[in-house]
C-alpha atoms as a PDB file:
ATOM      1  CA  MET A   1     172.219 218.644 144.505  1.00  0.00           C
ATOM      2  CA  THR A   2     171.024 216.519 141.460  1.00  0.00           C
ATOM      3  CA  ILE A   3     173.506 218.550 139.042  1.00  0.00           C
ATOM      4  CA  LEU A   4     176.138 217.776 141.389  1.00  0.00           C
ATOM      5  CA  PHE A   5     175.641 214.044 141.511  1.00  0.00           C
ATOM      6  CA  TYR A   6     175.525 213.912 137.724  1.00  0.00           C
ATOM      7  CA  ILE A   7     178.861 216.029 137.448  1.00  0.00           C
ATOM      8  CA  ALA A   8     180.543 213.814 139.937  1.00  0.00           C
ATOM      9  CA  ALA A   9     179.126 210.712 138.195  1.00  0.00           C
ATOM     10  CA  ALA A  10     180.626 212.213 134.797  1.00  0.00           C
ATOM     11  CA  VAL A  11     183.791 212.567 136.472  1.00  0.00           C
ATOM     12  CA  ALA A  12     184.016 209.175 137.650  1.00  0.00           C
ATOM     13  CA  ILE A  13     182.861 207.742 134.260  1.00  0.00           C
ATOM     14  CA  VAL A  14     185.545 209.720 132.503  1.00  0.00           C
ATOM     15  CA  ALA A  15     188.242 208.827 135.081  1.00  0.00           C
ATOM     16  CA  THR A  16     187.567 205.348 135.011  1.00  0.00           C
ATOM     17  CA  VAL A  17     187.437 205.041 131.125  1.00  0.00           C
ATOM     18  CA  LEU A  18     191.270 207.027 131.197  1.00  0.00           C
ATOM     19  CA  VAL A  19     192.404 204.162 133.875  1.00  0.00           C
ATOM     20  CA  VAL A  20     191.392 201.548 131.435  1.00  0.00           C
ATOM     21  CA  THR A  21     193.056 203.283 128.268  1.00  0.00           C
ATOM     22  CA  ARG A  22     196.087 204.231 129.603  1.00  0.00           C
ATOM     23  CA  SER A  23     199.315 202.351 128.706  1.00  0.00           C
ATOM     24  CA  ASN A  24     201.424 203.664 131.515  1.00  0.00           C
ATOM     25  CA  LEU A  25     200.441 201.995 134.923  1.00  0.00           C
ATOM     26  CA  VAL A  26     201.314 205.202 137.098  1.00  0.00           C
ATOM     27  CA  HIS A  27     199.204 207.263 134.913  1.00  0.00           C
ATOM     28  CA  ALA A  28     196.457 204.782 135.368  1.00  0.00           C
ATOM     29  CA  LEU A  29     196.929 204.811 139.001  1.00  0.00           C
ATOM     30  CA  LEU A  30     196.585 208.776 139.294  1.00  0.00           C
ATOM     31  CA  TYR A  31     193.409 208.476 137.180  1.00  0.00           C
ATOM     32  CA  LEU A  32     191.986 205.636 139.659  1.00  0.00           C
ATOM     33  CA  VAL A  33     192.423 207.900 142.830  1.00  0.00           C
ATOM     34  CA  VAL A  34     190.648 210.602 141.040  1.00  0.00           C
ATOM     35  CA  SER A  35     187.715 208.038 139.965  1.00  0.00           C
ATOM     36  CA  LEU A  36     187.542 206.825 143.665  1.00  0.00           C
ATOM     37  CA  PHE A  37     187.401 210.342 145.146  1.00  0.00           C
ATOM     38  CA  ALA A  38     184.542 210.889 142.355  1.00  0.00           C
ATOM     39  CA  VAL A  39     182.709 208.037 144.026  1.00  0.00           C
ATOM     40  CA  ALA A  40     183.089 209.456 147.159  1.00  0.00           C
ATOM     41  CA  VAL A  41     181.618 212.725 146.019  1.00  0.00           C
ATOM     42  CA  VAL A  42     178.564 210.605 144.561  1.00  0.00           C
ATOM     43  CA  PHE A  43     178.225 209.008 147.951  1.00  0.00           C
ATOM     44  CA  TYR A  44     178.136 212.398 149.672  1.00  0.00           C
ATOM     45  CA  THR A  45     175.623 213.968 147.771  1.00  0.00           C
ATOM     46  CA  LEU A  46     173.477 211.146 147.973  1.00  0.00           C
ATOM     47  CA  GLY A  47     173.382 211.714 151.777  1.00  0.00           C
ATOM     48  CA  ALA A  48     176.006 209.338 152.835  1.00  0.00           C
ATOM     49  CA  PRO A  49     178.878 211.227 154.385  1.00  0.00           C
ATOM     50  CA  PHE A  50     180.143 208.092 156.313  1.00  0.00           C
ATOM     51  CA  VAL A  51     180.182 205.871 153.519  1.00  0.00           C
ATOM     52  CA  ALA A  52     182.297 208.918 151.379  1.00  0.00           C
ATOM     53  CA  ALA A  53     184.780 208.797 154.234  1.00  0.00           C
ATOM     54  CA  LEU A  54     185.193 205.465 153.937  1.00  0.00           C
ATOM     55  CA  GLU A  55     185.530 205.382 150.510  1.00  0.00           C
ATOM     56  CA  VAL A  56     188.373 207.950 150.911  1.00  0.00           C
ATOM     57  CA  ILE A  57     190.033 206.522 153.648  1.00  0.00           C
ATOM     58  CA  VAL A  58     189.961 202.800 152.611  1.00  0.00           C
ATOM     59  CA  TYR A  59     190.164 203.024 148.954  1.00  0.00           C
ATOM     60  CA  ALA A  60     191.822 206.111 147.889  1.00  0.00           C
ATOM     61  CA  GLY A  61     194.081 205.867 150.858  1.00  0.00           C
ATOM     62  CA  ALA A  62     195.031 202.456 152.061  1.00  0.00           C
ATOM     63  CA  ILE A  63     194.211 200.154 148.855  1.00  0.00           C
ATOM     64  CA  MET A  64     195.801 202.617 146.413  1.00  0.00           C
ATOM     65  CA  MET A  65     198.837 202.379 148.450  1.00  0.00           C
ATOM     66  CA  LEU A  66     198.996 198.918 148.118  1.00  0.00           C
ATOM     67  CA  PHE A  67     198.672 199.204 144.367  1.00  0.00           C
ATOM     68  CA  VAL A  68     201.557 201.487 144.454  1.00  0.00           C
ATOM     69  CA  PHE A  69     203.827 199.357 146.297  1.00  0.00           C
ATOM     70  CA  ALA A  70     202.563 196.452 144.222  1.00  0.00           C
ATOM     71  CA  VAL A  71     203.836 198.380 141.235  1.00  0.00           C
ATOM     72  CA  MET A  72     207.115 199.244 142.952  1.00  0.00           C
ATOM     73  CA  LEU A  73     207.692 195.570 143.892  1.00  0.00           C
ATOM     74  CA  LEU A  74     206.921 194.397 140.498  1.00  0.00           C
ATOM     75  CA  ASN A  75     209.257 196.727 138.524  1.00  0.00           C
ATOM     76  CA  VAL A  76     206.847 196.592 135.587  1.00  0.00           C
ATOM     77  CA  SER A  77     209.079 197.849 133.251  1.00  0.00           C
ATOM     78  CA  ALA A  78     213.046 198.898 133.716  1.00  0.00           C
ATOM     79  CA  ASP A  79     213.165 201.575 131.443  1.00  0.00           C
ATOM     80  CA  ALA A  80     210.093 203.408 132.686  1.00  0.00           C
ATOM     81  CA  PRO A  81     211.163 206.697 133.943  1.00  0.00           C
ATOM     82  CA  LEU A  82     211.570 207.443 137.578  1.00  0.00           C
ATOM     83  CA  ARG A  83     209.676 210.563 137.656  1.00  0.00           C
ATOM     84  CA  VAL A  84     206.133 211.070 136.238  1.00  0.00           C
ATOM     85  CA  PRO A  85     206.449 214.324 133.696  1.00  0.00           C
ATOM     86  CA  PRO A  86     204.352 217.274 134.710  1.00  0.00           C
ATOM     87  CA  SER A  87     202.102 216.759 131.514  1.00  0.00           C
ATOM     88  CA  ALA A  88     200.791 213.517 133.022  1.00  0.00           C
ATOM     89  CA  TRP A  89     199.425 215.601 136.132  1.00  0.00           C
ATOM     90  CA  ILE A  90     197.224 217.699 133.761  1.00  0.00           C
ATOM     91  CA  GLY A  91     194.214 215.305 133.420  1.00  0.00           C
ATOM     92  CA  PRO A  92     193.903 214.435 137.202  1.00  0.00           C
ATOM     93  CA  LEU A  93     194.401 217.724 138.103  1.00  0.00           C
ATOM     94  CA  VAL A  94     191.421 218.972 136.055  1.00  0.00           C
ATOM     95  CA  LEU A  95     189.040 216.327 137.073  1.00  0.00           C
ATOM     96  CA  VAL A  96     189.923 216.665 140.792  1.00  0.00           C
ATOM     97  CA  ALA A  97     189.434 220.444 140.322  1.00  0.00           C
ATOM     98  CA  VAL A  98     186.131 219.949 139.140  1.00  0.00           C
ATOM     99  CA  LEU A  99     185.550 217.808 141.935  1.00  0.00           C
ATOM    100  CA  LEU A 100     186.784 220.205 144.534  1.00  0.00           C
ATOM    101  CA  ALA A 101     184.560 222.829 143.160  1.00  0.00           C
ATOM    102  CA  GLU A 102     181.615 220.751 142.995  1.00  0.00           C
ATOM    103  CA  LEU A 103     182.267 219.683 146.777  1.00  0.00           C
ATOM    104  CA  ILE A 104     182.611 223.224 147.947  1.00  0.00           C
ATOM    105  CA  TYR A 105     179.630 224.536 146.091  1.00  0.00           C
ATOM    106  CA  GLY A 106     177.640 221.519 147.766  1.00  0.00           C
ATOM    107  CA  ILE A 107     179.108 222.349 151.262  1.00  0.00           C
ATOM    108  CA  GLY A 108     177.998 225.826 150.458  1.00  0.00           C
ATOM    109  CA  LEU A 109     174.490 225.081 149.819  1.00  0.00           C
ATOM    110  CA  SER A 110     171.795 225.032 152.481  1.00  0.00           C
ATOM    111  CA  ASN A 111     172.718 221.312 153.026  1.00  0.00           C
ATOM    112  CA  GLN A 112     169.003 220.654 153.765  1.00  0.00           C
ATOM    113  CA  ALA A 113     168.389 218.395 150.964  1.00  0.00           C
ATOM    114  CA  LEU A 114     171.622 216.414 151.601  1.00  0.00           C
ATOM    115  CA  HIS A 115     171.047 215.765 155.520  1.00  0.00           C
ATOM    116  CA  ARG A 116     167.317 214.833 154.847  1.00  0.00           C
ATOM    117  CA  GLY A 117     168.337 211.087 154.181  1.00  0.00           C
ATOM    118  CA  GLU A 118     171.674 210.709 155.912  1.00  0.00           C
ATOM    119  CA  VAL A 119     172.987 207.465 156.253  1.00  0.00           C
ATOM    120  CA  GLY A 120     175.363 206.897 159.334  1.00  0.00           C
ATOM    121  CA  PRO A 121     177.715 204.428 160.621  1.00  0.00           C
ATOM    122  CA  GLN A 122     174.741 202.255 162.458  1.00  0.00           C
ATOM    123  CA  GLN A 123     172.596 202.203 159.291  1.00  0.00           C
ATOM    124  CA  VAL A 124     175.757 200.935 157.255  1.00  0.00           C
ATOM    125  CA  SER A 125     176.761 198.550 159.848  1.00  0.00           C
ATOM    126  CA  ASP A 126     173.224 196.982 160.340  1.00  0.00           C
ATOM    127  CA  ALA A 127     173.067 196.633 156.439  1.00  0.00           C
ATOM    128  CA  LEU A 128     176.508 194.919 156.098  1.00  0.00           C
ATOM    129  CA  PHE A 129     175.968 192.571 159.015  1.00  0.00           C
ATOM    130  CA  GLY A 130     172.315 192.326 158.458  1.00  0.00           C
ATOM    131  CA  PRO A 131     170.466 191.552 155.059  1.00  0.00           C
ATOM    132  CA  TYR A 132     173.925 191.490 153.091  1.00  0.00           C
ATOM    133  CA  VAL A 133     175.960 189.465 155.270  1.00  0.00           C
ATOM    134  CA  LEU A 134     176.285 186.844 152.526  1.00  0.00           C
ATOM    135  CA  GLY A 135     177.317 189.444 150.104  1.00  0.00           C
ATOM    136  CA  VAL A 136     179.996 190.696 152.423  1.00  0.00           C
ATOM    137  CA  GLU A 137     181.185 187.128 153.191  1.00  0.00           C
ATOM    138  CA  LEU A 138     181.365 186.124 149.551  1.00  0.00           C
ATOM    139  CA  ALA A 139     183.436 189.150 148.672  1.00  0.00           C
ATOM    140  CA  SER A 140     185.913 188.199 151.702  1.00  0.00           C
ATOM    141  CA  MET A 141     186.282 184.694 150.139  1.00  0.00           C
ATOM    142  CA  LEU A 142     186.670 186.221 146.598  1.00  0.00           C
ATOM    143  CA  LEU A 143     189.514 188.393 148.054  1.00  0.00           C
ATOM    144  CA  LEU A 144     191.199 185.260 149.691  1.00  0.00           C
ATOM    145  CA  ALA A 145     190.973 183.305 146.849  1.00  0.00           C
ATOM    146  CA  ALA A 146     192.700 186.362 144.661  1.00  0.00           C
ATOM    147  CA  LEU A 147     195.331 186.784 147.323  1.00  0.00           C
ATOM    148  CA  ILE A 148     196.124 182.844 147.255  1.00  0.00           C
ATOM    149  CA  GLY A 149     196.380 183.185 143.371  1.00  0.00           C
ATOM    150  CA  ALA A 150     198.441 185.921 143.432  1.00  0.00           C
ATOM    151  CA  ARG A 151     200.833 184.313 146.066  1.00  0.00           C
ATOM    152  CA  HIS A 152     200.986 181.187 143.622  1.00  0.00           C
ATOM    153  CA  ILE A 153     201.738 183.100 140.718  1.00  0.00           C
ATOM    154  CA  ALA A 154     204.126 185.005 142.288  1.00  0.00           C
ATOM    155  CA  SER A 155     205.852 181.744 143.141  1.00  0.00           C
ATOM    156  CA  GLN A 156     206.351 180.299 139.775  1.00  0.00           C
ATOM    157  CA  PRO A 157     209.678 180.020 138.114  1.00  0.00           C
ATOM    158  CA  GLU A 158     210.733 182.745 135.994  1.00  0.00           C
ATOM    159  CA  SER A 159     211.106 180.940 132.573  1.00  0.00           C
ATOM    160  CA  PRO A 160     209.222 178.029 131.472  1.00  0.00           C
ATOM    161  CA  GLY A 161     211.025 174.916 131.799  1.00  0.00           C
ATOM    162  CA  ALA A 162     213.670 176.302 133.793  1.00  0.00           C
ATOM    163  CA  ASP A 163     212.502 173.722 136.594  1.00  0.00           C
ATOM    164  CA  ASP A 164     212.746 170.639 134.011  1.00  0.00           C
ATOM    165  CA  GLN A 165     216.121 171.700 133.175  1.00  0.00           C
ATOM    166  CA  ARG A 166     217.421 171.610 136.530  1.00  0.00           C
ATOM    167  CA  SER A 167     215.622 168.380 137.287  1.00  0.00           C
ATOM    168  CA  THR A 168     216.966 166.453 134.428  1.00  0.00           C
ATOM    169  CA  GLY A 169     220.331 167.593 134.267  1.00  0.00           C
ATOM    170  CA  THR A 170     220.273 168.869 130.881  1.00  0.00           C
ATOM    171  CA  GLY A 171     220.370 172.733 131.273  1.00  0.00           C
ATOM    172  CA  PRO A 172     223.632 174.635 130.767  1.00  0.00           C
ATOM    173  CA  ALA A 173     224.591 174.812 134.622  1.00  0.00           C
ATOM    174  CA  ALA A 174     224.332 170.845 134.620  1.00  0.00           C
ATOM    175  CA  GLN A 175     226.407 170.453 131.487  1.00  0.00           C
ATOM    176  CA  ALA A 176     229.200 172.979 132.788  1.00  0.00           C
ATOM    177  CA  GLY A 177     229.703 170.590 135.878  1.00  0.00           C
ATOM    178  CA  ASP A 178     229.825 167.542 133.883  1.00  0.00           C
ATOM    179  CA  GLY A 179     232.876 168.938 131.652  1.00  0.00           C
ATOM    180  CA  GLY A 180     235.724 167.711 133.577  1.00  0.00           C
ATOM    181  CA  GLU A 181     234.614 164.342 134.701  1.00  0.00           C
ATOM    182  CA  GLY A 182     233.884 161.716 132.742  1.00  0.00           C
END
């Protein structure tokens, strides 16, 4: 199982580096999904199948949907193609194939080493709401601050100074309305 851990960790590192280095946002999101799946496999090989399932459901599922919707709503670049070219899928598919082969091989083993120190839902909840409750609360406050900051940034006017021109009456719209009076 140790070799499976190292393979999954290497896939996670490669995918994460590709997330950071991609200039196309959709390609970066594809590699981020692969990275999250690799982290789930790492948790599984460490004997925490519940945490691995949470990783896939919460992060690779729900959070990635949120990222995809944010990219769609922000309309990052209007000239970007509507479809992802097939060549963009090669890298993520290769990394996912490695993870899938590793997971099938790991499940096929005699899982004795895997389930020796299994961490279940009770142990996860005891840890999160026991000695690590302060970290959980700090993370929730950080996420709330990020949400408020994103809302504040999104509510800003599009061009700097657009508010100043409207309030002083010196902008093009104000001057066009003043032309016939006088």
